C-alpha atoms as a PDB file:
ATOM      1  CA  MET A   1      71.894  54.603 100.751  1.00  0.00           C
ATOM      2  CA  ILE A   2      68.698  54.125 102.789  1.00  0.00           C
ATOM      3  CA  PHE A   3      68.799  52.106 106.000  1.00  0.00           C
ATOM      4  CA  LYS A   4      65.604  51.433 108.008  1.00  0.00           C
ATOM      5  CA  GLY A   5      63.808  54.467 106.614  1.00  0.00           C
ATOM      6  CA  LYS A   6      66.709  56.832 107.286  1.00  0.00           C
ATOM      7  CA  LEU A   7      69.057  58.305 104.771  1.00  0.00           C
ATOM      8  CA  LEU A   8      72.645  57.512 105.541  1.00  0.00           C
ATOM      9  CA  PHE A   9      75.033  60.160 104.379  1.00  0.00           C
ATOM     10  CA  THR A  10      78.124  58.980 102.626  1.00  0.00           C
ATOM     11  CA  LYS A  11      80.365  60.976 100.331  1.00  0.00           C
ATOM     12  CA  SER A  12      77.501  63.237  99.270  1.00  0.00           C
ATOM     13  CA  TYR A  13      77.235  64.553 102.843  1.00  0.00           C
ATOM     14  CA  SER A  14      80.543  66.374 102.606  1.00  0.00           C
ATOM     15  CA  GLY A  15      79.401  67.815  99.297  1.00  0.00           C
ATOM     16  CA  ASN A  16      76.214  69.081 100.926  1.00  0.00           C
ATOM     17  CA  VAL A  17      78.214  70.693 103.720  1.00  0.00           C
ATOM     18  CA  LYS A  18      80.415  72.371 101.134  1.00  0.00           C
ATOM     19  CA  ASN A  19      77.338  73.629  99.277  1.00  0.00           C
ATOM     20  CA  ILE A  20      75.840  74.936 102.525  1.00  0.00           C
ATOM     21  CA  GLY A  21      79.107  76.771 103.241  1.00  0.00           C
ATOM     22  CA  ILE A  22      79.044  78.371  99.795  1.00  0.00           C
ATOM     23  CA  LEU A  23      75.377  79.283 100.246  1.00  0.00           C
ATOM     24  CA  TYR A  24      76.153  80.799 103.651  1.00  0.00           C
ATOM     25  CA  LYS A  25      78.958  82.920 102.185  1.00  0.00           C
ATOM     26  CA  PHE A  26      76.750  83.986  99.283  1.00  0.00           C
ATOM     27  CA  LEU A  27      73.890  84.974 101.588  1.00  0.00           C
ATOM     28  CA  THR A  28      76.284  86.858 103.862  1.00  0.00           C
ATOM     29  CA  VAL A  29      77.645  88.849 100.922  1.00  0.00           C
ATOM     30  CA  MET A  30      74.126  89.539  99.658  1.00  0.00           C
ATOM     31  CA  LEU A  31      73.040  90.713 103.108  1.00  0.00           C
ATOM     32  CA  ILE A  32      75.988  93.099 103.298  1.00  0.00           C
ATOM     33  CA  LEU A  33      75.284  94.397  99.789  1.00  0.00           C
ATOM     34  CA  CYS A  34      71.618  94.958 100.661  1.00  0.00           C
ATOM     35  CA  LEU A  35      72.356  96.722 103.938  1.00  0.00           C
ATOM     36  CA  LEU A  36      75.143  98.909 102.563  1.00  0.00           C
ATOM     37  CA  PRO A  37      72.845 101.328 100.669  1.00  0.00           C
ATOM     38  CA  LEU A  38      70.581 101.588 103.704  1.00  0.00           C
ATOM     39  CA  THR A  39      73.481 102.520 105.945  1.00  0.00           C
ATOM     40  CA  VAL A  40      74.780 105.056 103.417  1.00  0.00           C
ATOM     41  CA  VAL A  41      71.350 106.670 103.014  1.00  0.00           C
ATOM     42  CA  GLY A  42      70.845 106.663 106.777  1.00  0.00           C
ATOM     43  CA  TYR A  43      74.242 108.233 107.367  1.00  0.00           C
ATOM     44  CA  LEU A  44      73.670 110.913 104.739  1.00  0.00           C
ATOM     45  CA  GLY A  45      70.224 111.628 106.187  1.00  0.00           C
ATOM     46  CA  ILE A  46      71.597 112.040 109.687  1.00  0.00           C
ATOM     47  CA  MET A  47      74.426 114.252 108.448  1.00  0.00           C
ATOM     48  CA  GLY A  48      71.942 116.354 106.453  1.00  0.00           C
ATOM     49  CA  ILE A  49      69.758 116.853 109.513  1.00  0.00           C
ATOM     50  CA  ASN A  50      72.856 117.709 111.538  1.00  0.00           C
ATOM     51  CA  ASP A  51      73.985 120.274 108.942  1.00  0.00           C
ATOM     52  CA  VAL A  52      70.541 121.898 108.821  1.00  0.00           C
ATOM     53  CA  GLY A  53      70.409 122.039 112.613  1.00  0.00           C
ATOM     54  CA  THR A  54      73.877 123.574 112.785  1.00  0.00           C
ATOM     55  CA  THR A  55      72.940 126.155 110.144  1.00  0.00           C
ATOM     56  CA  ILE A  56      69.752 127.106 111.993  1.00  0.00           C
ATOM     57  CA  ILE A  57      71.611 127.426 115.295  1.00  0.00           C
ATOM     58  CA  ASP A  58      74.420 129.471 113.713  1.00  0.00           C
ATOM     59  CA  GLU A  59      71.985 131.818 111.972  1.00  0.00           C
ATOM     60  CA  SER A  60      69.927 132.216 115.130  1.00  0.00           C
ATOM     61  CA  ALA A  61      73.048 132.948 117.158  1.00  0.00           C
ATOM     62  CA  ALA A  62      74.244 135.508 114.613  1.00  0.00           C
ATOM     63  CA  SER A  63      70.819 137.151 114.518  1.00  0.00           C
ATOM     64  CA  LEU A  64      70.629 137.234 118.307  1.00  0.00           C
ATOM     65  CA  GLU A  65      74.151 138.642 118.510  1.00  0.00           C
ATOM     66  CA  ASN A  66      73.303 141.404 116.023  1.00  0.00           C
ATOM     67  CA  LYS A  67      70.110 142.246 117.877  1.00  0.00           C
ATOM     68  CA  THR A  68      71.964 142.306 121.181  1.00  0.00           C
ATOM     69  CA  ILE A  69      74.709 144.552 119.811  1.00  0.00           C
ATOM     70  CA  GLU A  70      72.143 146.875 118.236  1.00  0.00           C
ATOM     71  CA  ASN A  71      70.183 146.946 121.485  1.00  0.00           C
ATOM     72  CA  LEU A  72      73.296 147.750 123.521  1.00  0.00           C
ATOM     73  CA  GLN A  73      74.337 150.468 121.074  1.00  0.00           C
ATOM     74  CA  ARG A  74      70.866 151.986 121.287  1.00  0.00           C
ATOM     75  CA  LEU A  75      70.940 151.879 125.103  1.00  0.00           C
ATOM     76  CA  VAL A  76      74.389 153.495 125.188  1.00  0.00           C
ATOM     77  CA  SER A  77      73.220 156.155 122.758  1.00  0.00           C
ATOM     78  CA  ASP A  78      70.127 156.858 124.878  1.00  0.00           C
ATOM     79  CA  LYS A  79      72.198 157.141 128.079  1.00  0.00           C
ATOM     80  CA  THR A  80      74.694 159.398 126.322  1.00  0.00           C
ATOM     81  CA  ASN A  81      71.868 161.658 125.194  1.00  0.00           C
ATOM     82  CA  GLN A  82      70.483 161.730 128.746  1.00  0.00           C
ATOM     83  CA  PHE A  83      73.903 162.716 130.148  1.00  0.00           C
ATOM     84  CA  ASN A  84      74.332 165.386 127.488  1.00  0.00           C
ATOM     85  CA  ASN A  85      70.885 166.797 128.242  1.00  0.00           C
ATOM     86  CA  THR A  86      71.626 166.771 131.978  1.00  0.00           C
ATOM     87  CA  PHE A  87      74.961 168.575 131.502  1.00  0.00           C
ATOM     88  CA  ASN A  88      73.357 171.099 129.154  1.00  0.00           C
ATOM     89  CA  ASN A  89      70.665 171.822 131.751  1.00  0.00           C
ATOM     90  CA  ILE A  90      73.307 172.303 134.466  1.00  0.00           C
ATOM     91  CA  GLU A  91      75.171 174.879 132.371  1.00  0.00           C
END
């Protein structure tokens, strides 16, 4: 019904509101479905970077530990040889 150039809503108004509600729900579901793969890919990417970083740090720590142990063993061996040479010279 048109009254003075304006559309007056009657029973069809409630139908339009119902359709807008259905459209809103549909768009909400579609938004969630579109964002879900992005969040999964983002999460997996972050976890992959985290795993690589952890692996690099662990390998570096193990390498440093081995080098430190080898260095200490070499220093102890050198000092032992110096003591042995000193004692041999005293005798």
